[in-house]
Amino acid sequence: MILQDYDKLIFEISQEGHTAYDLPVSEVEEYDLSAELGEYARQEPARLPEASELQIVRHYTALSNRNFGVESGPYPLGSCTMKYNPKINEDVAAMDGFANIHPLQDPDTIQGALQLMYELQEYLKEITQFSALTLQPAAGAQGELAAILAFKAYFKSIGELEQRRVILIPDSAHGTNPATAMVAGFETLELPSTPEGIIDVEAVRAAVGPNTAGIMITNPSTAGLFEKDAKEIVDIVHEAGGLAYYDGANLNAIMGLTSPGAMGFDACHLNLHKTFTGPHGGGGPGSGPIGVVDKLAPFIPGPNVVKNGDKYELEMPEKSYGRIKGNFGNFGVNVRAYTYIRAMGPEGLRRASEDAVLNANYLRVRVNEYFDAPFPNFNKNDFVLDLSRHKKDYGVTAKDVGKRLLDFGIHAPTTYFPLHVHECLMVEPTETESKQDLDYVADILIKINQGAIENPEIVQTAPHNTPVRRLDEAGASRKPVLKYTFEKHESDSSEVE
């Protein structure tokens, strides 16, 4: 394996007779399944790559070095809180009593793990100011669904489910909110924002009625703005007999400062893989526990950990609709979140929120002169930029700027969301970036702006310095190629079609 092999597929590196591992002789008698599989039986052996252990290690190490993550450079992905994952979290999660236990063990043999789950529940209840909480949901969207299903079970229990069919969704809400409401069987009604970017209170007042099941609010919103009228909006919904759900995607801006419970909400989810430093991205893992008020507590999923004297036990809530995930949620992520909370303490969590807000506002002010900020007032943990002027004047889009950032070792922010900002970049630097790093991001954004003016093509065709250049995203979406085709040639080499 030589240097240029790093750009090849493992199948291209493969050479007949190379091996990395010898399997022991099987003690299980061979059995031919082809007769039972019929037409689905494989007609020839699977073509697997043949490579030495060193070749394999070098190949996958080279691939891993191409990945971009929070440890590679700034990762200002708006509303997703891609902040540093402390390594102490990994040390604790790898402890034998956490890493090598089984969810079906007798609870008497995993008391330490159950104690951790119980204490994490108690910490999160204090942070959210709710009276009941479950760690079951595996991610934010599943947490949303778990809470809205609890709404549904509650309305059924009081005989109002057939009447209450509509959930109100602000146009600045987190993107999964309308999908969650629909999956749970409700209809949705979108609420407009004011010119200042916050929820229109009068629009809420006009929308509620006897068919209102609830409202879903992200606060701060995906525009990075604190919904100052949240309590009034919740009261309006409550007066109509509905319930209020708090999307905790941006809790990183308010923990230790205020809480969903203090704003009057009935339920919320928390993204432990975002706000509480569990690693995330690439499809998982996640953890999205939900907290609820007393009247919803009997309906949440379970089992959950309760303390009975000195013993920790598992208990299903009285009127629970059952599990929403196998066993007890993503336990390893919960261990990491517990470690973070214990390491930070109340003052540390509050400081994290304050620094996240400070960093977002500092970065916005640094680039205000060069990019249009549709909501230039005080932001919370993220902010949005509108590149409509850049598109009109220079033909440079938000996507182009996001891709150009990759050339400078900065991951692109969220693009084209929230939807009411058309050429949107949503930027969240988080609290873990230093002023030096923030200045670097600002300087690069300013440099890209200058490039858009002087040489738009270099921005329009970015990235240029990455292992993979600009992709045909529309073609990949509409005509995906999901497998490789290998052709054997006389030279005994393989080419990938």
Protein backbone atom coordinates (compact mmCIF):
# COMPACT_ATOMS: atom_id res chain seq x y z
CA MET A 1 0.00 0.00 0.00
CA ILE A 2 1.57 3.27 -1.13
CA LEU A 3 0.64 6.91 -0.67
CA GLN A 4 -1.77 7.19 -3.58
CA ASP A 5 -3.68 4.21 -2.22
CA TYR A 6 -5.20 6.51 0.41
CA ASP A 7 -7.54 7.85 -2.26
CA LYS A 8 -8.70 4.38 -3.29
CA LEU A 9 -11.60 2.28 -2.08
CA ILE A 10 -10.81 -0.69 0.12
CA PHE A 11 -11.91 -2.87 -2.81
CA GLU A 12 -9.31 -1.23 -5.04
CA ILE A 13 -6.59 -1.85 -2.47
CA SER A 14 -7.67 -5.49 -2.24
CA GLN A 15 -5.29 -8.16 -3.52
CA GLU A 16 -6.08 -11.83 -3.65
CA GLY A 17 -4.52 -13.77 -0.80
CA HIS A 18 -4.04 -10.81 1.57
CA THR A 19 -5.66 -11.35 4.95
CA ALA A 20 -5.87 -9.52 8.25
CA TYR A 21 -7.38 -12.17 10.48
CA ASP A 22 -7.78 -15.94 10.60
CA LEU A 23 -11.10 -17.10 11.95
CA PRO A 24 -11.04 -20.20 14.17
CA VAL A 25 -12.43 -23.41 12.78
CA SER A 26 -16.21 -23.36 13.23
CA GLU A 27 -17.64 -25.91 15.62
CA VAL A 28 -21.10 -25.45 14.11
CA GLU A 29 -22.12 -27.83 11.36
CA GLU A 30 -22.52 -26.11 7.98
CA TYR A 31 -26.07 -25.74 6.70
CA ASP A 32 -27.09 -24.74 3.17
CA LEU A 33 -29.92 -22.19 3.23
CA SER A 34 -30.18 -21.80 -0.55
CA ALA A 35 -33.12 -24.21 -0.89
CA GLU A 36 -35.10 -22.28 1.72
CA LEU A 37 -34.20 -18.87 0.29
CA GLY A 38 -35.11 -19.88 -3.25
CA GLU A 39 -34.75 -17.00 -5.72
CA TYR A 40 -33.32 -14.83 -2.95
CA ALA A 41 -30.34 -17.12 -2.40
CA ARG A 42 -26.94 -15.71 -3.37
CA GLN A 43 -25.71 -17.33 -6.57
CA GLU A 44 -22.04 -16.64 -5.94
CA PRO A 45 -19.93 -15.81 -2.87
CA ALA A 46 -19.90 -12.21 -1.68
CA ARG A 47 -16.95 -10.29 -3.13
CA LEU A 48 -15.17 -9.08 -0.02
CA PRO A 49 -11.94 -7.06 0.02
CA GLU A 50 -8.70 -8.85 0.86
CA ALA A 51 -6.14 -6.69 2.66
CA SER A 52 -3.62 -6.96 5.46
CA GLU A 53 -4.27 -5.55 8.91
CA LEU A 54 -1.79 -2.71 8.31
CA GLN A 55 -3.41 -1.82 4.98
CA ILE A 56 -6.83 -1.74 6.62
CA VAL A 57 -5.64 0.40 9.54
CA ARG A 58 -3.92 2.88 7.23
CA HIS A 59 -6.93 3.03 4.92
CA TYR A 60 -9.49 3.76 7.61
CA THR A 61 -7.16 6.10 9.51
CA ALA A 62 -6.77 8.12 6.31
CA LEU A 63 -10.55 8.21 5.89
CA SER A 64 -11.07 9.27 9.51
CA ASN A 65 -8.66 12.17 9.02
CA ARG A 66 -11.00 13.51 6.35
CA ASN A 67 -13.91 13.76 8.77
CA PHE A 68 -14.79 17.15 10.18
CA GLY A 69 -15.98 17.37 13.77
CA VAL A 70 -15.98 19.64 16.79
CA GLU A 71 -12.37 18.64 17.45
CA SER A 72 -11.29 19.59 13.90
CA GLY A 73 -12.28 23.24 13.94
CA PRO A 74 -15.13 25.66 14.61
CA TYR A 75 -18.51 24.01 14.03
CA PRO A 76 -21.12 26.81 14.23
CA LEU A 77 -24.13 24.69 13.23
CA GLY A 78 -27.11 26.80 14.28
CA SER A 79 -29.67 25.37 16.73
CA CYS A 80 -27.63 22.17 17.10
CA THR A 81 -25.11 23.20 19.79
CA MET A 82 -22.11 21.37 18.35
CA LYS A 83 -19.89 22.12 21.31
CA TYR A 84 -16.83 20.39 22.68
CA ASN A 85 -17.36 16.96 24.25
CA PRO A 86 -15.17 16.79 27.39
CA LYS A 87 -12.97 13.70 27.51
CA ILE A 88 -13.84 13.05 31.15
CA ASN A 89 -17.28 12.08 29.84
CA GLU A 90 -15.70 9.27 27.83
CA ASP A 91 -13.66 8.05 30.81
CA VAL A 92 -16.75 7.80 32.99
CA ALA A 93 -18.90 6.18 30.28
CA ALA A 94 -16.19 3.54 29.79
CA MET A 95 -16.21 2.48 33.44
CA ASP A 96 -16.94 -1.22 33.81
CA GLY A 97 -20.10 -0.66 35.85
CA PHE A 98 -21.57 1.43 33.04
CA ALA A 99 -20.09 -0.05 29.88
CA ASN A 100 -20.41 -3.76 30.65
CA ILE A 101 -23.90 -4.14 32.05
CA HIS A 102 -27.07 -5.38 30.37
CA PRO A 103 -30.51 -3.74 30.50
CA LEU A 104 -32.16 -7.06 31.34
CA GLN A 105 -30.03 -7.63 34.44
CA ASP A 106 -31.73 -7.93 37.80
CA PRO A 107 -32.07 -4.34 39.11
CA ASP A 108 -30.38 -5.47 42.33
CA THR A 109 -27.15 -6.02 40.33
CA ILE A 110 -27.07 -2.56 38.65
CA GLN A 111 -27.91 -0.28 41.54
CA GLY A 112 -25.08 2.12 40.65
CA ALA A 113 -26.37 2.60 37.12
CA LEU A 114 -29.93 3.06 38.36
CA GLN A 115 -28.71 5.60 40.93
CA LEU A 116 -27.06 7.58 38.13
CA MET A 117 -30.29 7.55 36.12
CA TYR A 118 -32.35 8.59 39.15
CA GLU A 119 -30.02 11.46 40.02
CA LEU A 120 -29.90 12.59 36.38
CA GLN A 121 -33.71 12.67 36.37
CA GLU A 122 -33.65 14.80 39.52
CA TYR A 123 -31.05 17.21 38.10
CA LEU A 124 -33.01 17.65 34.87
CA LYS A 125 -36.23 18.19 36.81
CA GLU A 126 -34.52 20.99 38.73
CA ILE A 127 -33.10 22.53 35.53
CA THR A 128 -36.50 22.46 33.79
CA GLN A 129 -38.66 23.04 36.89
CA PHE A 130 -40.93 20.11 36.08
CA SER A 131 -42.21 17.53 38.54
CA ALA A 132 -41.78 14.37 36.46
CA LEU A 133 -39.26 13.26 33.85
CA THR A 134 -38.41 10.23 31.72
CA LEU A 135 -35.04 9.42 30.16
CA GLN A 136 -36.57 7.03 27.62
CA PRO A 137 -36.59 9.05 24.35
CA ALA A 138 -33.54 8.48 22.16
CA ALA A 139 -33.32 11.94 20.56
CA GLY A 140 -34.97 15.35 20.38
CA ALA A 141 -37.56 14.45 17.77
CA GLN A 142 -38.52 11.31 19.70
CA GLY A 143 -38.76 13.40 22.84
CA GLU A 144 -41.15 15.74 21.05
CA LEU A 145 -43.25 12.76 20.00
CA ALA A 146 -43.18 11.31 23.52
CA ALA A 147 -44.52 14.60 24.93
CA ILE A 148 -47.21 15.11 22.29
CA LEU A 149 -48.35 11.51 22.78
CA ALA A 150 -48.67 12.35 26.49
CA PHE A 151 -50.84 15.33 25.47
CA LYS A 152 -52.93 12.94 23.41
CA ALA A 153 -53.32 10.45 26.26
CA TYR A 154 -54.29 13.25 28.63
CA PHE A 155 -57.00 14.60 26.34
CA LYS A 156 -58.33 11.08 25.81
CA SER A 157 -58.52 10.59 29.58
CA ILE A 158 -60.72 13.69 30.00
CA GLY A 159 -62.86 12.94 26.94
CA GLU A 160 -61.62 15.81 24.74
CA LEU A 161 -59.39 14.05 22.21
CA GLU A 162 -61.96 14.10 19.41
CA GLN A 163 -62.52 17.80 19.95
CA ARG A 164 -58.91 18.97 20.23
CA ARG A 165 -57.28 18.27 16.87
CA VAL A 166 -55.09 21.32 16.15
CA ILE A 167 -51.57 22.15 17.33
CA LEU A 168 -50.27 25.66 16.70
CA ILE A 169 -46.75 25.89 15.22
CA PRO A 170 -44.92 29.25 14.95
CA ASP A 171 -43.05 29.78 11.68
CA SER A 172 -39.86 30.14 13.74
CA ALA A 173 -40.29 26.78 15.48
CA HIS A 174 -37.77 23.97 15.34
CA GLY A 175 -38.15 22.09 12.06
CA THR A 176 -39.32 18.78 13.53
CA ASN A 177 -42.28 20.32 15.40
CA PRO A 178 -44.88 20.17 12.60
CA ALA A 179 -43.79 16.65 11.63
CA THR A 180 -44.11 15.50 15.25
CA ALA A 181 -47.64 16.89 15.55
CA MET A 182 -48.70 15.20 12.31
CA VAL A 183 -47.15 11.84 13.26
CA ALA A 184 -49.02 12.00 16.57
CA GLY A 185 -52.27 12.40 14.63
CA PHE A 186 -52.93 16.11 15.01
CA GLU A 187 -53.44 18.85 12.44
CA THR A 188 -51.14 21.88 12.42
CA LEU A 189 -51.75 25.59 12.02
CA GLU A 190 -48.79 27.88 11.33
CA LEU A 191 -48.47 31.13 13.25
CA PRO A 192 -46.71 34.13 11.71
CA SER A 193 -43.87 36.09 13.24
CA THR A 194 -43.87 39.83 13.79
CA PRO A 195 -41.42 42.01 11.80
CA GLU A 196 -39.16 41.73 14.84
CA GLY A 197 -39.00 37.94 14.34
CA ILE A 198 -40.96 36.81 17.43
CA ILE A 199 -44.35 35.12 17.71
CA ASP A 200 -47.32 37.41 17.05
CA VAL A 201 -49.36 37.32 20.26
CA GLU A 202 -52.50 38.55 18.54
CA ALA A 203 -52.18 35.81 15.91
CA VAL A 204 -52.14 33.28 18.75
CA ARG A 205 -55.18 34.88 20.33
CA ALA A 206 -57.05 34.71 17.01
CA ALA A 207 -56.02 31.08 16.35
CA VAL A 208 -56.97 29.39 19.62
CA GLY A 209 -60.37 27.87 20.19
CA PRO A 210 -62.18 24.75 21.37
CA ASN A 211 -60.28 22.67 18.79
CA THR A 212 -56.84 23.72 20.09
CA ALA A 213 -54.82 20.83 21.50
CA GLY A 214 -51.71 22.88 22.13
CA ILE A 215 -48.82 24.93 20.89
CA MET A 216 -45.17 24.02 20.28
CA ILE A 217 -42.66 26.80 20.92
CA THR A 218 -38.88 26.84 20.56
CA ASN A 219 -37.51 29.45 22.95
CA PRO A 220 -35.12 30.96 22.07
CA SER A 221 -36.44 30.49 18.55
CA THR A 222 -34.49 29.23 15.57
CA ALA A 223 -33.96 32.89 14.69
CA GLY A 224 -31.93 33.19 17.90
CA LEU A 225 -34.51 35.41 19.58
CA PHE A 226 -35.98 35.07 23.04
CA GLU A 227 -39.77 34.88 22.93
CA LYS A 228 -40.40 37.57 25.52
CA ASP A 229 -44.16 36.99 25.33
CA ALA A 230 -43.90 33.24 25.96
CA LYS A 231 -45.72 33.36 29.31
CA GLU A 232 -48.58 35.41 27.85
CA ILE A 233 -48.85 33.05 24.87
CA VAL A 234 -48.91 30.00 27.14
CA ASP A 235 -51.64 31.61 29.25
CA ILE A 236 -53.76 32.25 26.12
CA VAL A 237 -53.45 28.59 25.10
CA HIS A 238 -54.26 27.41 28.63
CA GLU A 239 -57.35 29.61 28.77
CA ALA A 240 -58.56 27.86 25.61
CA GLY A 241 -58.04 24.47 27.26
CA GLY A 242 -54.89 23.58 25.34
CA LEU A 243 -51.42 22.53 26.46
CA ALA A 244 -48.04 24.16 25.80
CA TYR A 245 -44.92 22.32 24.67
CA TYR A 246 -41.40 23.74 24.95
CA ASP A 247 -38.85 22.57 22.39
CA GLY A 248 -35.55 22.40 24.26
CA ALA A 249 -33.27 22.58 21.21
CA ASN A 250 -31.91 25.94 22.38
CA LEU A 251 -31.84 25.34 26.12
CA ASN A 252 -28.11 26.06 25.90
CA ALA A 253 -29.07 29.74 26.03
CA ILE A 254 -31.18 29.68 29.19
CA MET A 255 -30.16 26.87 31.55
CA GLY A 256 -29.56 28.30 34.99
CA LEU A 257 -31.19 31.59 33.97
CA THR A 258 -34.81 30.58 33.48
CA SER A 259 -36.72 27.40 32.68
CA PRO A 260 -39.63 25.97 30.68
CA GLY A 261 -41.49 25.45 33.94
CA ALA A 262 -41.05 29.08 34.94
CA MET A 263 -42.55 30.12 31.58
CA GLY A 264 -45.65 28.04 32.28
CA PHE A 265 -45.12 25.20 29.79
CA ASP A 266 -46.63 21.78 30.39
CA ALA A 267 -43.86 19.67 28.84
CA CYS A 268 -40.48 19.96 27.20
CA HIS A 269 -37.71 17.83 25.80
CA LEU A 270 -33.99 18.29 26.36
CA ASN A 271 -31.25 17.38 23.91
CA LEU A 272 -28.64 15.79 26.15
CA HIS A 273 -26.51 15.20 23.05
CA LYS A 274 -26.46 18.96 22.45
CA THR A 275 -26.83 21.08 25.57
CA PHE A 276 -25.22 18.53 27.88
CA THR A 277 -22.19 17.57 25.71
CA GLY A 278 -23.09 14.08 24.61
CA PRO A 279 -21.45 13.57 21.20
CA HIS A 280 -23.85 13.68 18.28
CA GLY A 281 -24.01 13.92 14.52
CA GLY A 282 -23.97 11.35 11.78
CA GLY A 283 -27.38 10.04 12.79
CA GLY A 284 -26.84 9.42 16.47
CA PRO A 285 -26.67 8.55 19.24
CA GLY A 286 -28.92 10.99 21.03
CA SER A 287 -30.95 11.40 24.16
CA GLY A 288 -34.12 13.47 24.39
CA PRO A 289 -35.71 13.08 27.84
CA ILE A 290 -38.97 14.88 28.52
CA GLY A 291 -40.13 16.72 31.61
CA VAL A 292 -43.83 17.30 32.37
CA VAL A 293 -46.16 18.92 34.89
CA ASP A 294 -48.07 16.89 37.48
CA LYS A 295 -51.22 16.29 35.43
CA LEU A 296 -49.21 14.72 32.60
CA ALA A 297 -46.94 12.62 34.83
CA PRO A 298 -49.18 9.49 34.77
CA PHE A 299 -49.07 9.36 30.95
CA ILE A 300 -45.37 9.56 30.10
CA PRO A 301 -43.43 6.54 28.80
CA GLY A 302 -41.44 4.25 31.06
CA PRO A 303 -40.16 2.38 32.91
CA ASN A 304 -38.43 5.06 34.94
CA VAL A 305 -36.22 4.87 38.01
CA VAL A 306 -37.73 5.53 41.42
CA LYS A 307 -36.09 5.45 44.82
CA ASN A 308 -37.67 3.21 47.45
CA GLY A 309 -35.76 3.72 50.69
CA ASP A 310 -32.13 2.98 49.87
CA LYS A 311 -33.01 0.94 46.80
CA TYR A 312 -33.49 2.03 43.20
CA GLU A 313 -36.27 0.35 41.23
CA LEU A 314 -37.95 0.56 37.85
CA GLU A 315 -41.57 1.66 37.65
CA MET A 316 -44.04 2.27 34.85
CA PRO A 317 -46.19 5.43 35.26
CA GLU A 318 -49.80 4.71 36.20
CA LYS A 319 -51.45 5.48 32.83
CA SER A 320 -48.38 5.28 30.61
CA TYR A 321 -48.81 4.51 26.93
CA GLY A 322 -45.75 2.23 27.29
CA ARG A 323 -42.22 2.41 26.02
CA ILE A 324 -41.08 4.73 23.30
CA LYS A 325 -37.69 3.04 23.12
CA GLY A 326 -36.35 -0.31 24.19
CA ASN A 327 -35.19 -0.49 27.79
CA PHE A 328 -34.04 2.81 29.34
CA GLY A 329 -33.04 5.14 26.53
CA ASN A 330 -29.48 5.71 25.32
CA PHE A 331 -27.76 5.00 28.60
CA GLY A 332 -24.23 5.88 27.44
CA VAL A 333 -25.31 9.38 26.38
CA ASN A 334 -27.06 9.83 29.71
CA VAL A 335 -23.86 8.90 31.57
CA ARG A 336 -22.01 11.61 29.66
CA ALA A 337 -24.69 14.21 30.43
CA TYR A 338 -24.63 13.26 34.12
CA THR A 339 -20.84 13.68 34.17
CA TYR A 340 -21.12 17.12 32.56
CA ILE A 341 -23.76 18.32 35.03
CA ARG A 342 -21.74 17.08 38.02
CA ALA A 343 -18.54 18.65 36.67
CA MET A 344 -20.18 22.01 35.95
CA GLY A 345 -22.49 22.42 38.90
CA PRO A 346 -25.30 25.02 38.96
CA GLU A 347 -23.00 28.00 38.53
CA GLY A 348 -21.10 26.33 35.71
CA LEU A 349 -24.27 25.57 33.76
CA ARG A 350 -25.42 29.15 34.16
CA ARG A 351 -22.02 30.41 33.01
CA ALA A 352 -22.18 28.13 29.96
CA SER A 353 -25.46 29.77 28.93
CA GLU A 354 -24.11 33.26 29.53
CA ASP A 355 -20.98 32.55 27.49
CA ALA A 356 -22.99 30.98 24.65
CA VAL A 357 -25.09 34.14 24.42
CA LEU A 358 -22.03 36.38 24.67
CA ASN A 359 -20.20 34.49 21.92
CA ALA A 360 -23.17 34.60 19.54
CA ASN A 361 -23.65 38.33 19.97
CA TYR A 362 -19.93 39.06 19.69
CA LEU A 363 -19.67 37.15 16.40
CA ARG A 364 -22.81 38.79 14.98
CA VAL A 365 -21.54 42.26 15.79
CA ARG A 366 -18.17 41.46 14.20
CA VAL A 367 -19.79 40.62 10.84
CA ASN A 368 -22.78 43.01 10.92
CA GLU A 369 -21.09 45.49 8.61
CA TYR A 370 -20.64 42.89 5.86
CA PHE A 371 -23.75 40.70 6.09
CA ASP A 372 -27.37 41.61 6.67
CA ALA A 373 -28.76 40.53 10.04
CA PRO A 374 -32.57 40.65 9.75
CA PHE A 375 -32.94 40.73 13.54
CA PRO A 376 -30.05 42.94 14.67
CA ASN A 377 -31.15 43.25 18.28
CA PHE A 378 -29.84 41.15 21.14
CA ASN A 379 -29.61 37.47 20.20
CA LYS A 380 -29.41 34.42 22.39
CA ASN A 381 -27.28 31.35 21.56
CA ASP A 382 -27.47 31.72 17.78
CA PHE A 383 -28.21 34.34 15.15
CA VAL A 384 -29.23 34.46 11.51
CA LEU A 385 -27.75 36.25 8.52
CA ASP A 386 -29.74 36.98 5.34
CA LEU A 387 -27.68 36.71 2.15
CA SER A 388 -30.47 37.83 -0.21
CA ARG A 389 -28.45 40.93 -1.09
CA HIS A 390 -25.37 38.83 -1.90
CA LYS A 391 -27.45 36.60 -4.15
CA LYS A 392 -28.98 39.58 -5.95
CA ASP A 393 -25.80 41.65 -6.34
CA TYR A 394 -23.11 38.98 -6.81
CA GLY A 395 -24.91 35.70 -7.50
CA VAL A 396 -23.51 34.25 -4.25
CA THR A 397 -25.94 32.22 -2.14
CA ALA A 398 -26.02 31.14 1.49
CA LYS A 399 -25.04 27.64 0.36
CA ASP A 400 -22.02 29.05 -1.50
CA VAL A 401 -20.80 30.87 1.61
CA GLY A 402 -21.32 27.74 3.73
CA LYS A 403 -19.24 25.66 1.32
CA ARG A 404 -16.53 28.31 1.08
CA LEU A 405 -16.10 28.20 4.86
CA LEU A 406 -14.97 24.58 4.50
CA ASP A 407 -11.88 25.77 2.62
CA PHE A 408 -10.76 27.53 5.82
CA GLY A 409 -11.38 24.70 8.28
CA ILE A 410 -14.77 25.95 9.48
CA HIS A 411 -17.88 23.81 9.23
CA ALA A 412 -20.81 25.45 7.48
CA PRO A 413 -23.59 26.91 9.65
CA THR A 414 -27.14 25.71 9.14
CA THR A 415 -28.35 26.96 5.75
CA TYR A 416 -31.87 27.92 4.63
CA PHE A 417 -33.44 27.65 8.05
CA PRO A 418 -35.51 29.17 9.57
CA LEU A 419 -37.67 29.26 6.48
CA HIS A 420 -38.91 32.83 6.90
CA VAL A 421 -35.36 34.07 6.16
CA HIS A 422 -34.89 33.08 2.53
CA GLU A 423 -31.07 33.08 2.06
CA CYS A 424 -30.38 32.15 5.63
CA LEU A 425 -27.25 31.24 7.53
CA MET A 426 -28.03 30.28 11.13
CA VAL A 427 -24.86 30.54 13.20
CA GLU A 428 -24.27 29.14 16.69
CA PRO A 429 -20.68 29.41 17.92
CA THR A 430 -21.48 27.90 21.38
CA GLU A 431 -19.75 28.79 24.62
CA THR A 432 -16.76 26.49 24.09
CA GLU A 433 -15.12 28.63 21.39
CA SER A 434 -12.50 31.14 22.55
CA LYS A 435 -12.41 34.78 21.48
CA GLN A 436 -9.43 33.89 19.29
CA ASP A 437 -11.51 31.27 17.47
CA LEU A 438 -14.47 33.61 17.14
CA ASP A 439 -12.22 36.27 15.62
CA TYR A 440 -10.91 33.70 13.16
CA VAL A 441 -14.46 32.81 12.06
CA ALA A 442 -15.35 36.50 11.75
CA ASP A 443 -12.20 37.27 9.74
CA ILE A 444 -12.92 34.41 7.35
CA LEU A 445 -16.55 35.49 6.86
CA ILE A 446 -15.33 39.00 6.09
CA LYS A 447 -12.78 37.56 3.65
CA ILE A 448 -15.50 35.50 1.93
CA ASN A 449 -17.67 38.60 1.65
CA GLN A 450 -14.79 40.41 -0.07
CA GLY A 451 -14.31 37.42 -2.37
CA ALA A 452 -18.00 37.49 -3.28
CA ILE A 453 -17.58 41.11 -4.38
CA GLU A 454 -14.26 40.80 -6.23
CA ASN A 455 -14.37 37.24 -7.57
CA PRO A 456 -17.81 35.64 -7.10
CA GLU A 457 -16.85 32.49 -9.00
CA ILE A 458 -14.39 31.36 -6.34
CA VAL A 459 -17.22 31.39 -3.79
CA GLN A 460 -19.80 29.93 -6.18
CA THR A 461 -17.60 26.91 -6.94
CA ALA A 462 -16.35 26.21 -3.39
CA PRO A 463 -15.07 24.16 -1.69
CA HIS A 464 -11.62 23.93 -3.32
CA ASN A 465 -9.39 22.55 -0.55
CA THR A 466 -11.42 19.57 0.64
CA PRO A 467 -10.94 15.89 -0.31
CA VAL A 468 -14.30 16.00 -2.11
CA ARG A 469 -15.21 19.06 -4.15
CA ARG A 470 -18.72 20.43 -4.73
CA LEU A 471 -21.24 17.67 -5.24
CA ASP A 472 -24.27 17.54 -7.50
CA GLU A 473 -26.72 17.60 -4.59
CA ALA A 474 -29.83 17.55 -6.77
CA GLY A 475 -28.52 14.55 -8.72
CA ALA A 476 -27.53 12.75 -5.51
CA SER A 477 -31.03 13.30 -4.14
CA ARG A 478 -33.00 12.36 -7.26
CA LYS A 479 -30.72 9.73 -8.80
CA PRO A 480 -28.75 8.16 -5.98
CA VAL A 481 -26.24 5.41 -6.78
CA LEU A 482 -26.48 3.12 -3.79
CA LYS A 483 -24.00 0.41 -4.72
CA TYR A 484 -20.64 -0.03 -6.43
CA THR A 485 -20.30 -2.13 -9.57
CA PHE A 486 -17.02 -3.97 -10.02
CA GLU A 487 -15.68 -5.17 -13.33
CA LYS A 488 -12.84 -7.68 -13.65
CA HIS A 489 -10.31 -6.82 -16.37
CA GLU A 490 -7.54 -8.80 -18.06
CA SER A 491 -4.98 -6.88 -16.04
CA ASP A 492 -6.58 -8.45 -12.94
CA SER A 493 -7.38 -5.00 -11.58
CA SER A 494 -10.79 -3.75 -10.59
CA GLU A 495 -12.47 -0.57 -11.65
CA VAL A 496 -15.37 1.08 -9.91
CA GLU A 497 -18.19 2.16 -12.15
